[in-house]
Amino acid sequence: MITFTVRMKFRPEDRLRIAELLSELARASRRETGCLIYMPHTVDGEPDTVVIYEQYADQKAVDAHRASSHFKDFAVGGLYQLMLDRQVENLNTVA
């Protein structure tokens, strides 16, 4: 199982567009074979910071997600064009 978070910062004036992009991206991603969890969040007290918690069955599922048309359209062509900063944290299961 592969789990990670993606943290992104955006401008306040882009909030509505970010919410639209995340909604479309989450909806499509959750239908992918091998996607176990795809959950976007805003950070309490930081409405322009988004954290997406993602969990996939294996690397093949991650690769398929990143190769999907919805990822290219809504993430690369949408979110990535508007973000100010992006950080990825790979997580390891302890129990």
N, C-alpha and C. Protein backbone atom coordinates (compact mmCIF):
# COMPACT_ATOMS: atom_id res chain seq x y z
N MET A 1 0.85 -1.17 0.00
CA MET A 1 0.00 0.00 0.00
C MET A 1 0.90 1.24 0.00
N ILE A 2 0.50 2.25 -0.76
CA ILE A 2 1.26 3.51 -0.85
C ILE A 2 0.36 4.64 -0.38
N THR A 3 0.88 5.42 0.57
CA THR A 3 0.12 6.51 1.16
C THR A 3 0.98 7.76 1.18
N PHE A 4 0.39 8.89 0.83
CA PHE A 4 1.11 10.16 0.89
C PHE A 4 0.12 11.32 0.98
N THR A 5 0.66 12.47 1.35
CA THR A 5 -0.12 13.71 1.33
C THR A 5 0.53 14.67 0.36
N VAL A 6 -0.30 15.50 -0.22
CA VAL A 6 0.16 16.58 -1.08
C VAL A 6 -0.39 17.87 -0.47
N ARG A 7 0.50 18.78 -0.12
CA ARG A 7 0.11 20.06 0.49
C ARG A 7 0.39 21.16 -0.53
N MET A 8 -0.64 21.98 -0.81
CA MET A 8 -0.50 23.06 -1.78
C MET A 8 -1.06 24.35 -1.21
N LYS A 9 -0.44 25.45 -1.58
CA LYS A 9 -0.91 26.78 -1.18
C LYS A 9 -1.37 27.52 -2.43
N PHE A 10 -2.47 28.28 -2.25
CA PHE A 10 -3.07 29.03 -3.34
C PHE A 10 -3.38 30.46 -2.91
N ARG A 11 -3.70 31.29 -3.86
CA ARG A 11 -4.11 32.67 -3.59
C ARG A 11 -5.58 32.69 -3.14
N PRO A 12 -5.94 33.59 -2.25
CA PRO A 12 -7.34 33.69 -1.80
C PRO A 12 -8.32 33.88 -2.95
N GLU A 13 -7.94 34.62 -3.95
CA GLU A 13 -8.86 34.90 -5.06
C GLU A 13 -9.12 33.66 -5.93
N ASP A 14 -8.36 32.60 -5.72
CA ASP A 14 -8.54 31.37 -6.51
C ASP A 14 -9.35 30.31 -5.78
N ARG A 15 -9.87 30.60 -4.60
CA ARG A 15 -10.56 29.59 -3.78
C ARG A 15 -11.69 28.87 -4.50
N LEU A 16 -12.55 29.61 -5.17
CA LEU A 16 -13.68 28.99 -5.86
C LEU A 16 -13.20 28.05 -6.96
N ARG A 17 -12.25 28.49 -7.76
CA ARG A 17 -11.73 27.65 -8.84
C ARG A 17 -11.02 26.41 -8.28
N ILE A 18 -10.28 26.57 -7.19
CA ILE A 18 -9.60 25.43 -6.57
C ILE A 18 -10.63 24.41 -6.08
N ALA A 19 -11.69 24.87 -5.46
CA ALA A 19 -12.74 23.97 -4.98
C ALA A 19 -13.37 23.20 -6.14
N GLU A 20 -13.60 23.87 -7.25
CA GLU A 20 -14.17 23.21 -8.44
C GLU A 20 -13.22 22.14 -8.97
N LEU A 21 -11.95 22.49 -9.12
CA LEU A 21 -10.95 21.55 -9.63
C LEU A 21 -10.81 20.34 -8.71
N LEU A 22 -10.75 20.59 -7.39
CA LEU A 22 -10.61 19.48 -6.43
C LEU A 22 -11.82 18.56 -6.46
N SER A 23 -12.99 19.13 -6.60
CA SER A 23 -14.20 18.33 -6.65
C SER A 23 -14.17 17.38 -7.85
N GLU A 24 -13.84 17.89 -9.01
CA GLU A 24 -13.75 17.07 -10.21
C GLU A 24 -12.65 16.02 -10.10
N LEU A 25 -11.48 16.45 -9.62
CA LEU A 25 -10.35 15.53 -9.49
C LEU A 25 -10.65 14.42 -8.49
N ALA A 26 -11.23 14.76 -7.36
CA ALA A 26 -11.54 13.75 -6.33
C ALA A 26 -12.58 12.77 -6.85
N ARG A 27 -13.61 13.26 -7.49
CA ARG A 27 -14.67 12.40 -8.00
C ARG A 27 -14.10 11.36 -8.98
N ALA A 28 -13.30 11.81 -9.91
CA ALA A 28 -12.73 10.90 -10.91
C ALA A 28 -11.69 9.97 -10.29
N SER A 29 -10.86 10.49 -9.40
CA SER A 29 -9.80 9.68 -8.78
C SER A 29 -10.37 8.55 -7.94
N ARG A 30 -11.45 8.81 -7.24
CA ARG A 30 -12.05 7.78 -6.38
C ARG A 30 -12.62 6.61 -7.18
N ARG A 31 -12.85 6.80 -8.47
CA ARG A 31 -13.36 5.72 -9.32
C ARG A 31 -12.24 4.86 -9.91
N GLU A 32 -11.00 5.26 -9.71
CA GLU A 32 -9.87 4.51 -10.27
C GLU A 32 -9.70 3.17 -9.57
N THR A 33 -9.37 2.16 -10.36
CA THR A 33 -9.00 0.86 -9.78
C THR A 33 -7.69 1.07 -9.01
N GLY A 34 -7.65 0.64 -7.79
CA GLY A 34 -6.43 0.76 -6.99
C GLY A 34 -6.36 2.00 -6.13
N CYS A 35 -7.27 2.95 -6.34
CA CYS A 35 -7.32 4.13 -5.46
C CYS A 35 -8.17 3.75 -4.25
N LEU A 36 -7.56 3.76 -3.07
CA LEU A 36 -8.26 3.39 -1.85
C LEU A 36 -8.87 4.61 -1.16
N ILE A 37 -8.12 5.70 -1.13
CA ILE A 37 -8.60 6.95 -0.52
C ILE A 37 -8.04 8.12 -1.31
N TYR A 38 -8.91 9.07 -1.59
CA TYR A 38 -8.49 10.33 -2.20
C TYR A 38 -9.33 11.41 -1.53
N MET A 39 -8.74 12.10 -0.56
CA MET A 39 -9.51 12.99 0.29
C MET A 39 -8.85 14.36 0.40
N PRO A 40 -9.36 15.36 -0.35
CA PRO A 40 -8.83 16.71 -0.22
C PRO A 40 -9.38 17.41 1.03
N HIS A 41 -8.55 18.22 1.66
CA HIS A 41 -8.93 18.98 2.85
C HIS A 41 -8.40 20.40 2.73
N THR A 42 -9.05 21.33 3.42
CA THR A 42 -8.41 22.61 3.69
C THR A 42 -7.90 22.54 5.12
N VAL A 43 -6.92 23.35 5.43
CA VAL A 43 -6.32 23.35 6.76
C VAL A 43 -7.06 24.35 7.64
N ASP A 44 -7.44 23.93 8.82
CA ASP A 44 -8.14 24.79 9.76
C ASP A 44 -7.32 26.05 10.02
N GLY A 45 -7.90 27.20 9.79
CA GLY A 45 -7.21 28.46 10.01
C GLY A 45 -6.37 28.91 8.82
N GLU A 46 -6.24 28.06 7.80
CA GLU A 46 -5.49 28.38 6.58
C GLU A 46 -6.32 27.98 5.36
N PRO A 47 -7.35 28.74 5.04
CA PRO A 47 -8.28 28.33 3.98
C PRO A 47 -7.67 28.25 2.59
N ASP A 48 -6.47 28.78 2.41
CA ASP A 48 -5.82 28.73 1.10
C ASP A 48 -4.75 27.64 1.03
N THR A 49 -4.73 26.77 2.04
CA THR A 49 -3.85 25.61 2.04
C THR A 49 -4.71 24.37 1.90
N VAL A 50 -4.36 23.54 0.93
CA VAL A 50 -5.07 22.29 0.66
C VAL A 50 -4.12 21.14 0.94
N VAL A 51 -4.63 20.12 1.63
CA VAL A 51 -3.89 18.89 1.83
C VAL A 51 -4.75 17.76 1.27
N ILE A 52 -4.16 16.99 0.37
CA ILE A 52 -4.86 15.83 -0.18
C ILE A 52 -4.21 14.58 0.41
N TYR A 53 -5.02 13.77 1.08
CA TYR A 53 -4.57 12.49 1.63
C TYR A 53 -4.91 11.43 0.59
N GLU A 54 -3.89 10.71 0.12
CA GLU A 54 -4.08 9.72 -0.94
C GLU A 54 -3.53 8.37 -0.52
N GLN A 55 -4.27 7.32 -0.87
CA GLN A 55 -3.82 5.96 -0.57
C GLN A 55 -4.18 5.07 -1.76
N TYR A 56 -3.17 4.30 -2.20
CA TYR A 56 -3.31 3.43 -3.37
C TYR A 56 -2.87 2.02 -3.03
N ALA A 57 -3.40 1.07 -3.77
CA ALA A 57 -3.08 -0.34 -3.52
C ALA A 57 -1.61 -0.64 -3.77
N ASP A 58 -1.03 -0.01 -4.80
CA ASP A 58 0.36 -0.29 -5.16
C ASP A 58 0.89 0.80 -6.10
N GLN A 59 2.15 0.67 -6.50
CA GLN A 59 2.76 1.67 -7.38
C GLN A 59 2.08 1.73 -8.74
N LYS A 60 1.60 0.59 -9.21
CA LYS A 60 0.89 0.55 -10.48
C LYS A 60 -0.34 1.46 -10.43
N ALA A 61 -1.05 1.47 -9.33
CA ALA A 61 -2.23 2.32 -9.17
C ALA A 61 -1.84 3.79 -9.11
N VAL A 62 -0.73 4.12 -8.44
CA VAL A 62 -0.24 5.50 -8.41
C VAL A 62 0.12 5.95 -9.81
N ASP A 63 0.84 5.11 -10.54
CA ASP A 63 1.24 5.45 -11.91
C ASP A 63 0.03 5.65 -12.81
N ALA A 64 -0.98 4.81 -12.65
CA ALA A 64 -2.21 4.94 -13.44
C ALA A 64 -2.92 6.25 -13.11
N HIS A 65 -2.94 6.61 -11.84
CA HIS A 65 -3.55 7.88 -11.43
C HIS A 65 -2.85 9.05 -12.11
N ARG A 66 -1.54 9.06 -12.04
CA ARG A 66 -0.78 10.18 -12.62
C ARG A 66 -0.84 10.21 -14.14
N ALA A 67 -1.15 9.09 -14.77
CA ALA A 67 -1.27 9.04 -16.23
C ALA A 67 -2.70 9.30 -16.72
N SER A 68 -3.64 9.40 -15.80
CA SER A 68 -5.05 9.55 -16.18
C SER A 68 -5.32 10.92 -16.80
N SER A 69 -6.33 10.96 -17.64
CA SER A 69 -6.71 12.23 -18.27
C SER A 69 -7.23 13.22 -17.24
N HIS A 70 -7.94 12.75 -16.21
CA HIS A 70 -8.45 13.68 -15.21
C HIS A 70 -7.31 14.29 -14.37
N PHE A 71 -6.26 13.52 -14.11
CA PHE A 71 -5.11 14.08 -13.39
C PHE A 71 -4.44 15.15 -14.25
N LYS A 72 -4.26 14.84 -15.53
CA LYS A 72 -3.64 15.81 -16.44
C LYS A 72 -4.49 17.08 -16.58
N ASP A 73 -5.81 16.91 -16.66
CA ASP A 73 -6.70 18.06 -16.83
C ASP A 73 -6.83 18.89 -15.55
N PHE A 74 -7.18 18.24 -14.44
CA PHE A 74 -7.52 18.98 -13.23
C PHE A 74 -6.34 19.27 -12.31
N ALA A 75 -5.33 18.40 -12.28
CA ALA A 75 -4.15 18.65 -11.44
C ALA A 75 -3.10 19.43 -12.23
N VAL A 76 -2.52 18.79 -13.25
CA VAL A 76 -1.44 19.43 -14.01
C VAL A 76 -1.93 20.68 -14.73
N GLY A 77 -3.06 20.58 -15.41
CA GLY A 77 -3.58 21.70 -16.18
C GLY A 77 -4.37 22.71 -15.38
N GLY A 78 -4.71 22.38 -14.13
CA GLY A 78 -5.52 23.27 -13.30
C GLY A 78 -4.82 23.70 -12.03
N LEU A 79 -4.77 22.79 -11.06
CA LEU A 79 -4.19 23.11 -9.75
C LEU A 79 -2.74 23.55 -9.85
N TYR A 80 -1.94 22.83 -10.62
CA TYR A 80 -0.51 23.14 -10.71
C TYR A 80 -0.28 24.53 -11.30
N GLN A 81 -1.20 24.99 -12.12
CA GLN A 81 -1.05 26.31 -12.74
C GLN A 81 -1.36 27.44 -11.76
N LEU A 82 -2.12 27.13 -10.72
CA LEU A 82 -2.55 28.15 -9.76
C LEU A 82 -1.79 28.10 -8.43
N MET A 83 -1.12 27.01 -8.13
CA MET A 83 -0.50 26.86 -6.81
C MET A 83 0.74 27.73 -6.66
N LEU A 84 0.94 28.14 -5.42
CA LEU A 84 2.11 28.94 -5.06
C LEU A 84 3.23 28.05 -4.52
N ASP A 85 2.85 26.93 -3.91
CA ASP A 85 3.81 26.03 -3.30
C ASP A 85 3.21 24.62 -3.26
N ARG A 86 4.07 23.60 -3.32
CA ARG A 86 3.61 22.21 -3.27
C ARG A 86 4.65 21.37 -2.55
N GLN A 87 4.18 20.54 -1.62
CA GLN A 87 5.04 19.63 -0.88
C GLN A 87 4.36 18.26 -0.82
N VAL A 88 5.14 17.22 -0.98
CA VAL A 88 4.63 15.85 -0.89
C VAL A 88 5.29 15.17 0.29
N GLU A 89 4.50 14.47 1.09
CA GLU A 89 5.03 13.69 2.21
C GLU A 89 4.62 12.23 2.00
N ASN A 90 5.60 11.36 1.85
CA ASN A 90 5.34 9.92 1.74
C ASN A 90 5.22 9.36 3.15
N LEU A 91 4.18 8.57 3.38
CA LEU A 91 3.90 8.05 4.72
C LEU A 91 4.18 6.56 4.79
N ASN A 92 4.63 6.12 5.96
CA ASN A 92 4.92 4.71 6.21
C ASN A 92 4.02 4.21 7.34
N THR A 93 3.38 3.09 7.13
CA THR A 93 2.51 2.50 8.14
C THR A 93 3.35 1.95 9.30
N VAL A 94 2.92 2.22 10.53
CA VAL A 94 3.67 1.75 11.69
C VAL A 94 2.95 0.64 12.43
N ALA A 95 1.68 0.44 12.18
CA ALA A 95 0.96 -0.63 12.90
C ALA A 95 0.00 -1.33 11.99
